[in-house]
Amino acid sequence: MRSIPEYDLDGVTWHKSSYSGGSGGDCLEVTHDLPTLIPVRDSKHPHGPKLIFTAPAWSAFVNEVRS
């Protein structure tokens, strides 16, 4: 069984996506406070689960979404 590390995200600064509208709909937030990891969360559920991407995986994800 593989162990999944826990990351302390209490002190990070979250940034809402510039594509999020003002209506409070689907909003994604990321933090750039960790140099090699990109944590992502749903702004409607800030205490819910977070996805943790490596920087290269996040770049690949963003590039794929853009195309």
PDB file of N, CA and C in Angstrom:
ATOM      1  N   MET A   1       0.849  -1.182   0.000  1.00  0.00           N
ATOM      2  CA  MET A   1       0.000   0.000   0.000  1.00  0.00           C
ATOM      3  C   MET A   1       0.891   1.240   0.000  1.00  0.00           C
ATOM      4  N   ARG A   2       0.545   2.202  -0.826  1.00  0.00           N
ATOM      5  CA  ARG A   2       1.339   3.417  -0.953  1.00  0.00           C
ATOM      6  C   ARG A   2       0.835   4.471   0.016  1.00  0.00           C
ATOM      7  N   SER A   3       1.759   5.134   0.703  1.00  0.00           N
ATOM      8  CA  SER A   3       1.403   6.198   1.640  1.00  0.00           C
ATOM      9  C   SER A   3       1.285   7.526   0.895  1.00  0.00           C
ATOM     10  N   ILE A   4       0.211   8.246   1.145  1.00  0.00           N
ATOM     11  CA  ILE A   4       0.010   9.563   0.532  1.00  0.00           C
ATOM     12  C   ILE A   4       0.347  10.616   1.584  1.00  0.00           C
ATOM     13  N   PRO A   5       1.320  11.483   1.300  1.00  0.00           N
ATOM     14  CA  PRO A   5       1.722  12.469   2.305  1.00  0.00           C
ATOM     15  C   PRO A   5       0.645  13.531   2.545  1.00  0.00           C
ATOM     16  N   GLU A   6       0.616  14.031   3.746  1.00  0.00           N
ATOM     17  CA  GLU A   6      -0.257  15.147   4.111  1.00  0.00           C
ATOM     18  C   GLU A   6       0.559  16.434   3.993  1.00  0.00           C
ATOM     19  N   TYR A   7      -0.033  17.491   3.493  1.00  0.00           N
ATOM     20  CA  TYR A   7       0.648  18.772   3.375  1.00  0.00           C
ATOM     21  C   TYR A   7      -0.083  19.784   4.240  1.00  0.00           C
ATOM     22  N   ASP A   8       0.674  20.584   4.976  1.00  0.00           N
ATOM     23  CA  ASP A   8       0.099  21.630   5.810  1.00  0.00           C
ATOM     24  C   ASP A   8      -0.183  22.838   4.923  1.00  0.00           C
ATOM     25  N   LEU A   9      -1.458  23.094   4.658  1.00  0.00           N
ATOM     26  CA  LEU A   9      -1.855  24.194   3.784  1.00  0.00           C
ATOM     27  C   LEU A   9      -2.530  25.319   4.561  1.00  0.00           C
ATOM     28  N   ASP A  10      -2.407  25.297   5.908  1.00  0.00           N
ATOM     29  CA  ASP A  10      -3.079  26.308   6.730  1.00  0.00           C
ATOM     30  C   ASP A  10      -2.585  27.725   6.475  1.00  0.00           C
ATOM     31  N   GLY A  11      -1.308  27.908   6.203  1.00  0.00           N
ATOM     32  CA  GLY A  11      -0.769  29.262   6.071  1.00  0.00           C
ATOM     33  C   GLY A  11      -0.623  29.759   4.651  1.00  0.00           C
ATOM     34  N   VAL A  12      -1.130  29.002   3.675  1.00  0.00           N
ATOM     35  CA  VAL A  12      -0.937  29.410   2.287  1.00  0.00           C
ATOM     36  C   VAL A  12      -1.982  30.447   1.872  1.00  0.00           C
ATOM     37  N   THR A  13      -1.670  31.178   0.811  1.00  0.00           N
ATOM     38  CA  THR A  13      -2.585  32.166   0.249  1.00  0.00           C
ATOM     39  C   THR A  13      -3.202  31.580  -1.012  1.00  0.00           C
ATOM     40  N   TRP A  14      -4.526  31.492  -1.012  1.00  0.00           N
ATOM     41  CA  TRP A  14      -5.247  30.931  -2.152  1.00  0.00           C
ATOM     42  C   TRP A  14      -5.629  32.043  -3.117  1.00  0.00           C
ATOM     43  N   HIS A  15      -5.572  31.745  -4.417  1.00  0.00           N
ATOM     44  CA  HIS A  15      -5.923  32.702  -5.468  1.00  0.00           C
ATOM     45  C   HIS A  15      -7.008  32.098  -6.345  1.00  0.00           C
ATOM     46  N   LYS A  16      -8.090  32.839  -6.523  1.00  0.00           N
ATOM     47  CA  LYS A  16      -9.196  32.368  -7.363  1.00  0.00           C
ATOM     48  C   LYS A  16      -8.812  32.525  -8.833  1.00  0.00           C
ATOM     49  N   SER A  17      -9.230  31.594  -9.634  1.00  0.00           N
ATOM     50  CA  SER A  17      -8.955  31.634 -11.057  1.00  0.00           C
ATOM     51  C   SER A  17      -9.500  32.920 -11.676  1.00  0.00           C
ATOM     52  N   SER A  18      -8.741  33.479 -12.602  1.00  0.00           N
ATOM     53  CA  SER A  18      -9.200  34.687 -13.298  1.00  0.00           C
ATOM     54  C   SER A  18     -10.386  34.382 -14.211  1.00  0.00           C
ATOM     55  N   TYR A  19     -10.657  33.110 -14.477  1.00  0.00           N
ATOM     56  CA  TYR A  19     -11.787  32.720 -15.303  1.00  0.00           C
ATOM     57  C   TYR A  19     -13.064  32.547 -14.490  1.00  0.00           C
ATOM     58  N   SER A  20     -12.972  32.668 -13.174  1.00  0.00           N
ATOM     59  CA  SER A  20     -14.149  32.531 -12.322  1.00  0.00           C
ATOM     60  C   SER A  20     -14.998  33.792 -12.434  1.00  0.00           C
ATOM     61  N   GLY A  21     -16.268  33.614 -12.617  1.00  0.00           N
ATOM     62  CA  GLY A  21     -17.175  34.755 -12.715  1.00  0.00           C
ATOM     63  C   GLY A  21     -17.566  35.269 -11.342  1.00  0.00           C
ATOM     64  N   GLY A  22     -18.239  36.374 -11.292  1.00  0.00           N
ATOM     65  CA  GLY A  22     -18.681  36.966 -10.043  1.00  0.00           C
ATOM     66  C   GLY A  22     -19.955  36.354  -9.497  1.00  0.00           C
ATOM     67  N   SER A  23     -20.519  35.371 -10.196  1.00  0.00           N
ATOM     68  CA  SER A  23     -21.794  34.800  -9.780  1.00  0.00           C
ATOM     69  C   SER A  23     -21.655  33.717  -8.716  1.00  0.00           C
ATOM     70  N   GLY A  24     -20.418  33.364  -8.348  1.00  0.00           N
ATOM     71  CA  GLY A  24     -20.216  32.341  -7.328  1.00  0.00           C
ATOM     72  C   GLY A  24     -20.389  30.931  -7.851  1.00  0.00           C
ATOM     73  N   GLY A  25     -20.269  30.760  -9.160  1.00  0.00           N
ATOM     74  CA  GLY A  25     -20.417  29.441  -9.770  1.00  0.00           C
ATOM     75  C   GLY A  25     -19.192  28.579  -9.560  1.00  0.00           C
ATOM     76  N   ASP A  26     -18.767  27.943 -10.620  1.00  0.00           N
ATOM     77  CA  ASP A  26     -17.620  27.042 -10.553  1.00  0.00           C
ATOM     78  C   ASP A  26     -16.334  27.850 -10.384  1.00  0.00           C
ATOM     79  N   CYS A  27     -15.716  27.736  -9.222  1.00  0.00           N
ATOM     80  CA  CYS A  27     -14.517  28.515  -8.936  1.00  0.00           C
ATOM     81  C   CYS A  27     -13.393  27.607  -8.462  1.00  0.00           C
ATOM     82  N   LEU A  28     -12.257  27.769  -9.072  1.00  0.00           N
ATOM     83  CA  LEU A  28     -11.071  27.015  -8.737  1.00  0.00           C
ATOM     84  C   LEU A  28     -10.084  27.958  -8.074  1.00  0.00           C
ATOM     85  N   GLU A  29      -9.427  27.493  -7.021  1.00  0.00           N
ATOM     86  CA  GLU A  29      -8.397  28.285  -6.360  1.00  0.00           C
ATOM     87  C   GLU A  29      -7.112  27.477  -6.314  1.00  0.00           C
ATOM     88  N   VAL A  30      -5.990  28.170  -6.487  1.00  0.00           N
ATOM     89  CA  VAL A  30      -4.679  27.546  -6.394  1.00  0.00           C
ATOM     90  C   VAL A  30      -3.809  28.375  -5.464  1.00  0.00           C
ATOM     91  N   THR A  31      -2.748  27.762  -4.984  1.00  0.00           N
ATOM     92  CA  THR A  31      -1.750  28.504  -4.230  1.00  0.00           C
ATOM     93  C   THR A  31      -0.396  28.243  -4.859  1.00  0.00           C
ATOM     94  N   HIS A  32       0.424  29.260  -4.896  1.00  0.00           N
ATOM     95  CA  HIS A  32       1.774  29.152  -5.446  1.00  0.00           C
ATOM     96  C   HIS A  32       2.807  29.269  -4.327  1.00  0.00           C
ATOM     97  N   ASP A  33       2.385  29.023  -3.096  1.00  0.00           N
ATOM     98  CA  ASP A  33       3.276  29.165  -1.944  1.00  0.00           C
ATOM     99  C   ASP A  33       4.251  27.997  -1.786  1.00  0.00           C
ATOM    100  N   LEU A  34       4.003  26.894  -2.478  1.00  0.00           N
ATOM    101  CA  LEU A  34       4.902  25.741  -2.416  1.00  0.00           C
ATOM    102  C   LEU A  34       5.630  25.657  -3.753  1.00  0.00           C
ATOM    103  N   PRO A  35       6.953  25.762  -3.768  1.00  0.00           N
ATOM    104  CA  PRO A  35       7.678  25.915  -5.034  1.00  0.00           C
ATOM    105  C   PRO A  35       7.566  24.740  -6.010  1.00  0.00           C
ATOM    106  N   THR A  36       7.437  23.521  -5.527  1.00  0.00           N
ATOM    107  CA  THR A  36       7.414  22.377  -6.444  1.00  0.00           C
ATOM    108  C   THR A  36       6.047  21.719  -6.542  1.00  0.00           C
ATOM    109  N   LEU A  37       5.074  22.208  -5.772  1.00  0.00           N
ATOM    110  CA  LEU A  37       3.732  21.626  -5.772  1.00  0.00           C
ATOM    111  C   LEU A  37       2.685  22.694  -6.000  1.00  0.00           C
ATOM    112  N   ILE A  38       1.589  22.320  -6.646  1.00  0.00           N
ATOM    113  CA  ILE A  38       0.486  23.241  -6.899  1.00  0.00           C
ATOM    114  C   ILE A  38      -0.779  22.639  -6.281  1.00  0.00           C
ATOM    115  N   PRO A  39      -1.141  23.071  -5.064  1.00  0.00           N
ATOM    116  CA  PRO A  39      -2.410  22.625  -4.475  1.00  0.00           C
ATOM    117  C   PRO A  39      -3.586  23.355  -5.133  1.00  0.00           C
ATOM    118  N   VAL A  40      -4.680  22.639  -5.348  1.00  0.00           N
ATOM    119  CA  VAL A  40      -5.874  23.175  -6.000  1.00  0.00           C
ATOM    120  C   VAL A  40      -7.081  22.794  -5.148  1.00  0.00           C
ATOM    121  N   ARG A  41      -8.034  23.734  -5.023  1.00  0.00           N
ATOM    122  CA  ARG A  41      -9.250  23.431  -4.260  1.00  0.00           C
ATOM    123  C   ARG A  41     -10.460  24.091  -4.911  1.00  0.00           C
ATOM    124  N   ASP A  42     -11.626  23.653  -4.498  1.00  0.00           N
ATOM    125  CA  ASP A  42     -12.903  24.224  -4.922  1.00  0.00           C
ATOM    126  C   ASP A  42     -13.208  25.372  -3.964  1.00  0.00           C
ATOM    127  N   SER A  43     -13.363  26.580  -4.476  1.00  0.00           N
ATOM    128  CA  SER A  43     -13.584  27.738  -3.597  1.00  0.00           C
ATOM    129  C   SER A  43     -14.911  27.656  -2.841  1.00  0.00           C
ATOM    130  N   LYS A  44     -15.860  26.873  -3.346  1.00  0.00           N
ATOM    131  CA  LYS A  44     -17.142  26.727  -2.646  1.00  0.00           C
ATOM    132  C   LYS A  44     -17.018  25.796  -1.443  1.00  0.00           C
ATOM    133  N   HIS A  45     -15.944  24.994  -1.414  1.00  0.00           N
ATOM    134  CA  HIS A  45     -15.705  24.039  -0.329  1.00  0.00           C
ATOM    135  C   HIS A  45     -14.251  24.161   0.139  1.00  0.00           C
ATOM    136  N   PRO A  46     -13.869  25.318   0.691  1.00  0.00           N
ATOM    137  CA  PRO A  46     -12.460  25.545   1.026  1.00  0.00           C
ATOM    138  C   PRO A  46     -11.887  24.575   2.058  1.00  0.00           C
ATOM    139  N   HIS A  47     -12.727  23.943   2.849  1.00  0.00           N
ATOM    140  CA  HIS A  47     -12.227  22.984   3.843  1.00  0.00           C
ATOM    141  C   HIS A  47     -12.319  21.553   3.342  1.00  0.00           C
ATOM    142  N   GLY A  48     -12.764  21.401   2.101  1.00  0.00           N
ATOM    143  CA  GLY A  48     -12.882  20.078   1.498  1.00  0.00           C
ATOM    144  C   GLY A  48     -11.542  19.585   0.987  1.00  0.00           C
ATOM    145  N   PRO A  49     -11.558  18.512   0.214  1.00  0.00           N
ATOM    146  CA  PRO A  49     -10.310  17.938  -0.281  1.00  0.00           C
ATOM    147  C   PRO A  49      -9.600  18.861  -1.260  1.00  0.00           C
ATOM    148  N   LYS A  50      -8.308  18.697  -1.323  1.00  0.00           N
ATOM    149  CA  LYS A  50      -7.476  19.445  -2.256  1.00  0.00           C
ATOM    150  C   LYS A  50      -6.763  18.459  -3.166  1.00  0.00           C
ATOM    151  N   LEU A  51      -6.518  18.876  -4.387  1.00  0.00           N
ATOM    152  CA  LEU A  51      -5.680  18.111  -5.304  1.00  0.00           C
ATOM    153  C   LEU A  51      -4.289  18.721  -5.258  1.00  0.00           C
ATOM    154  N   ILE A  52      -3.272  17.877  -5.241  1.00  0.00           N
ATOM    155  CA  ILE A  52      -1.896  18.363  -5.210  1.00  0.00           C
ATOM    156  C   ILE A  52      -1.212  17.899  -6.491  1.00  0.00           C
ATOM    157  N   PHE A  53      -0.827  18.854  -7.336  1.00  0.00           N
ATOM    158  CA  PHE A  53      -0.128  18.567  -8.578  1.00  0.00           C
ATOM    159  C   PHE A  53       1.348  18.879  -8.418  1.00  0.00           C
ATOM    160  N   THR A  54       2.208  18.138  -9.104  1.00  0.00           N
ATOM    161  CA  THR A  54       3.585  18.599  -9.240  1.00  0.00           C
ATOM    162  C   THR A  54       3.550  19.760 -10.227  1.00  0.00           C
ATOM    163  N   ALA A  55       4.561  20.604 -10.218  1.00  0.00           N
ATOM    164  CA  ALA A  55       4.574  21.744 -11.133  1.00  0.00           C
ATOM    165  C   ALA A  55       4.494  21.305 -12.599  1.00  0.00           C
ATOM    166  N   PRO A  56       5.258  20.275 -13.035  1.00  0.00           N
ATOM    167  CA  PRO A  56       5.124  19.846 -14.434  1.00  0.00           C
ATOM    168  C   PRO A  56       3.741  19.270 -14.758  1.00  0.00           C
ATOM    169  N   ALA A  57       3.143  18.540 -13.833  1.00  0.00           N
ATOM    170  CA  ALA A  57       1.808  17.985 -14.070  1.00  0.00           C
ATOM    171  C   ALA A  57       0.771  19.098 -14.171  1.00  0.00           C
ATOM    172  N   TRP A  58       0.888  20.128 -13.342  1.00  0.00           N
ATOM    173  CA  TRP A  58      -0.035  21.265 -13.401  1.00  0.00           C
ATOM    174  C   TRP A  58       0.093  21.987 -14.740  1.00  0.00           C
ATOM    175  N   SER A  59       1.322  22.212 -15.189  1.00  0.00           N
ATOM    176  CA  SER A  59       1.544  22.866 -16.487  1.00  0.00           C
ATOM    177  C   SER A  59       0.924  22.049 -17.621  1.00  0.00           C
ATOM    178  N   ALA A  60       1.112  20.739 -17.573  1.00  0.00           N
ATOM    179  CA  ALA A  60       0.524  19.877 -18.605  1.00  0.00           C
ATOM    180  C   ALA A  60      -0.992  19.945 -18.567  1.00  0.00           C
ATOM    181  N   PHE A  61      -1.579  19.948 -17.369  1.00  0.00           N
ATOM    182  CA  PHE A  61      -3.032  20.034 -17.217  1.00  0.00           C
ATOM    183  C   PHE A  61      -3.559  21.350 -17.791  1.00  0.00           C
ATOM    184  N   VAL A  62      -2.938  22.456 -17.423  1.00  0.00           N
ATOM    185  CA  VAL A  62      -3.371  23.771 -17.900  1.00  0.00           C
ATOM    186  C   VAL A  62      -3.237  23.860 -19.412  1.00  0.00           C
ATOM    187  N   ASN A  63      -2.124  23.370 -19.952  1.00  0.00           N
ATOM    188  CA  ASN A  63      -1.938  23.409 -21.412  1.00  0.00           C
ATOM    189  C   ASN A  63      -2.995  22.575 -22.129  1.00  0.00           C
ATOM    190  N   GLU A  64      -3.357  21.436 -21.574  1.00  0.00           N
ATOM    191  CA  GLU A  64      -4.375  20.589 -22.189  1.00  0.00           C
ATOM    192  C   GLU A  64      -5.754  21.252 -22.138  1.00  0.00           C
ATOM    193  N   VAL A  65      -6.067  21.906 -21.030  1.00  0.00           N
ATOM    194  CA  VAL A  65      -7.363  22.600 -20.900  1.00  0.00           C
ATOM    195  C   VAL A  65      -7.441  23.749 -21.908  1.00  0.00           C
ATOM    196  N   ARG A  66      -6.337  24.449 -22.102  1.00  0.00           N
ATOM    197  CA  ARG A  66      -6.315  25.580 -23.031  1.00  0.00           C
ATOM    198  C   ARG A  66      -6.506  25.139 -24.475  1.00  0.00           C
ATOM    199  N   SER A  67      -6.073  23.928 -24.814  1.00  0.00           N
ATOM    200  CA  SER A  67      -6.124  23.491 -26.223  1.00  0.00           C
ATOM    201  C   SER A  67      -7.407  22.809 -26.610  1.00  0.00           C
TER     202      SER A  67
END
